[in-house]
Structure formats: C-alpha cells, structure tokens
Amino acid sequence: MGKQQQEDRILLTKAEAAGSLGFGVRWLEKQIEAGAPYVRIGRSVRLRRKDVEAFARDGRWPARKEP
C-alpha cells in the first residue's frame, strides 16, 4: 500500500496507531484496556485515525462510545 493510501485510511491497525504515536503495541493495548476507543471488526482491533490524532494533540483519548 502506498504512503498516500495509508494516510487516507480511516482505521489504523494497532501497530500503525502505536507507531504514529511513538509507542509500542503493548502500550497501546494497555490504553485500550483502560478505555481508549477502538473498533472491532471480527477478531481484529482497529483505531480511528481521528481518535489517534486527537490523542497526539490533546494528550488524552476521546470518550469511548458504546454501541
């Protein structure tokens, strides 16, 4: 996948999200356990790009919305 296509994606893998924040995947998994918002697609976990960008900007996760 090209860099532009990756930047246009709405959902990120845990590895992509963690890497963009400068942390490891395990740190991100702990954040998810503590309440960081995520999307489950089957058995996969994804994070919304806008939530990751909000964390990078504000230093806190947006509130998780329950279905």
C-alpha atoms as a PDB file:
ATOM      1  CA  MET A   1       0.000   0.000   0.000  1.00  0.00           C
ATOM      2  CA  GLY A   2       1.378   3.406  -0.967  1.00  0.00           C
ATOM      3  CA  LYS A   3       2.052   6.117   1.575  1.00  0.00           C
ATOM      4  CA  GLN A   4      -0.809   8.316   0.321  1.00  0.00           C
ATOM      5  CA  GLN A   5      -3.291   5.437   0.511  1.00  0.00           C
ATOM      6  CA  GLN A   6      -2.155   4.684   4.062  1.00  0.00           C
ATOM      7  CA  GLU A   7      -2.591   8.335   5.075  1.00  0.00           C
ATOM      8  CA  ASP A   8      -6.124   8.379   3.643  1.00  0.00           C
ATOM      9  CA  ARG A   9      -7.299   5.338   5.630  1.00  0.00           C
ATOM     10  CA  ILE A  10      -9.848   5.983   8.358  1.00  0.00           C
ATOM     11  CA  LEU A  11      -8.943   2.960  10.505  1.00  0.00           C
ATOM     12  CA  LEU A  12      -5.447   2.025  11.666  1.00  0.00           C
ATOM     13  CA  THR A  13      -4.056  -1.251  12.944  1.00  0.00           C
ATOM     14  CA  LYS A  14      -2.684  -1.300  16.483  1.00  0.00           C
ATOM     15  CA  ALA A  15       0.857  -1.320  15.081  1.00  0.00           C
ATOM     16  CA  GLU A  16       0.188   1.663  12.810  1.00  0.00           C
ATOM     17  CA  ALA A  17      -1.508   3.654  15.579  1.00  0.00           C
ATOM     18  CA  ALA A  18       1.191   2.878  18.149  1.00  0.00           C
ATOM     19  CA  GLY A  19       3.954   3.703  15.672  1.00  0.00           C
ATOM     20  CA  SER A  20       2.402   7.028  14.737  1.00  0.00           C
ATOM     21  CA  LEU A  21       2.332   7.971  18.436  1.00  0.00           C
ATOM     22  CA  GLY A  22       5.880   6.757  19.079  1.00  0.00           C
ATOM     23  CA  PHE A  23       4.875   3.931  21.429  1.00  0.00           C
ATOM     24  CA  GLY A  24       4.850   0.159  21.267  1.00  0.00           C
ATOM     25  CA  VAL A  25       1.843  -2.037  20.573  1.00  0.00           C
ATOM     26  CA  ARG A  26       1.751  -3.324  24.176  1.00  0.00           C
ATOM     27  CA  TRP A  27       1.416   0.263  25.464  1.00  0.00           C
ATOM     28  CA  LEU A  28      -1.496   0.805  23.095  1.00  0.00           C
ATOM     29  CA  GLU A  29      -3.151  -2.450  24.200  1.00  0.00           C
ATOM     30  CA  LYS A  30      -2.976  -1.214  27.805  1.00  0.00           C
ATOM     31  CA  GLN A  31      -4.551   2.073  26.704  1.00  0.00           C
ATOM     32  CA  ILE A  32      -7.399   0.147  25.052  1.00  0.00           C
ATOM     33  CA  GLU A  33      -7.910  -1.896  28.231  1.00  0.00           C
ATOM     34  CA  ALA A  34      -8.055   1.385  30.178  1.00  0.00           C
ATOM     35  CA  GLY A  35     -10.730   2.866  27.915  1.00  0.00           C
ATOM     36  CA  ALA A  36      -9.181   4.160  24.681  1.00  0.00           C
ATOM     37  CA  PRO A  37     -11.780   3.976  21.880  1.00  0.00           C
ATOM     38  CA  TYR A  38     -11.426   1.245  19.275  1.00  0.00           C
ATOM     39  CA  VAL A  39     -13.382  -0.599  16.601  1.00  0.00           C
ATOM     40  CA  ARG A  40     -13.643  -4.371  16.480  1.00  0.00           C
ATOM     41  CA  ILE A  41     -14.013  -5.933  13.037  1.00  0.00           C
ATOM     42  CA  GLY A  42     -14.395  -9.654  13.548  1.00  0.00           C
ATOM     43  CA  ARG A  43     -11.382 -10.582  15.662  1.00  0.00           C
ATOM     44  CA  SER A  44      -9.351  -7.553  14.563  1.00  0.00           C
ATOM     45  CA  VAL A  45      -8.992  -4.347  16.552  1.00  0.00           C
ATOM     46  CA  ARG A  46      -8.639  -1.027  14.739  1.00  0.00           C
ATOM     47  CA  LEU A  47      -8.386   2.564  15.920  1.00  0.00           C
ATOM     48  CA  ARG A  48      -9.921   5.552  14.203  1.00  0.00           C
ATOM     49  CA  ARG A  49      -7.315   7.883  12.747  1.00  0.00           C
ATOM     50  CA  LYS A  50      -9.186  10.893  14.182  1.00  0.00           C
ATOM     51  CA  ASP A  51      -9.010   9.396  17.715  1.00  0.00           C
ATOM     52  CA  VAL A  52      -5.264   8.761  17.393  1.00  0.00           C
ATOM     53  CA  GLU A  53      -4.731  12.314  16.097  1.00  0.00           C
ATOM     54  CA  ALA A  54      -6.833  13.701  18.980  1.00  0.00           C
ATOM     55  CA  PHE A  55      -4.658  11.814  21.480  1.00  0.00           C
ATOM     56  CA  ALA A  56      -1.497  13.162  19.846  1.00  0.00           C
ATOM     57  CA  ARG A  57      -2.906  16.703  20.006  1.00  0.00           C
ATOM     58  CA  ASP A  58      -4.646  16.690  23.414  1.00  0.00           C
ATOM     59  CA  GLY A  59      -2.779  14.006  25.356  1.00  0.00           C
ATOM     60  CA  ARG A  60      -5.992  12.153  26.180  1.00  0.00           C
ATOM     61  CA  TRP A  61      -8.336   9.791  24.388  1.00  0.00           C
ATOM     62  CA  PRO A  62     -11.791  10.882  23.248  1.00  0.00           C
ATOM     63  CA  ALA A  63     -14.614   9.216  25.176  1.00  0.00           C
ATOM     64  CA  ARG A  64     -15.444   5.700  24.023  1.00  0.00           C
ATOM     65  CA  LYS A  65     -18.907   5.423  22.500  1.00  0.00           C
ATOM     66  CA  GLU A  66     -20.751   2.235  23.403  1.00  0.00           C
ATOM     67  CA  PRO A  67     -22.868   0.605  20.638  1.00  0.00           C
END
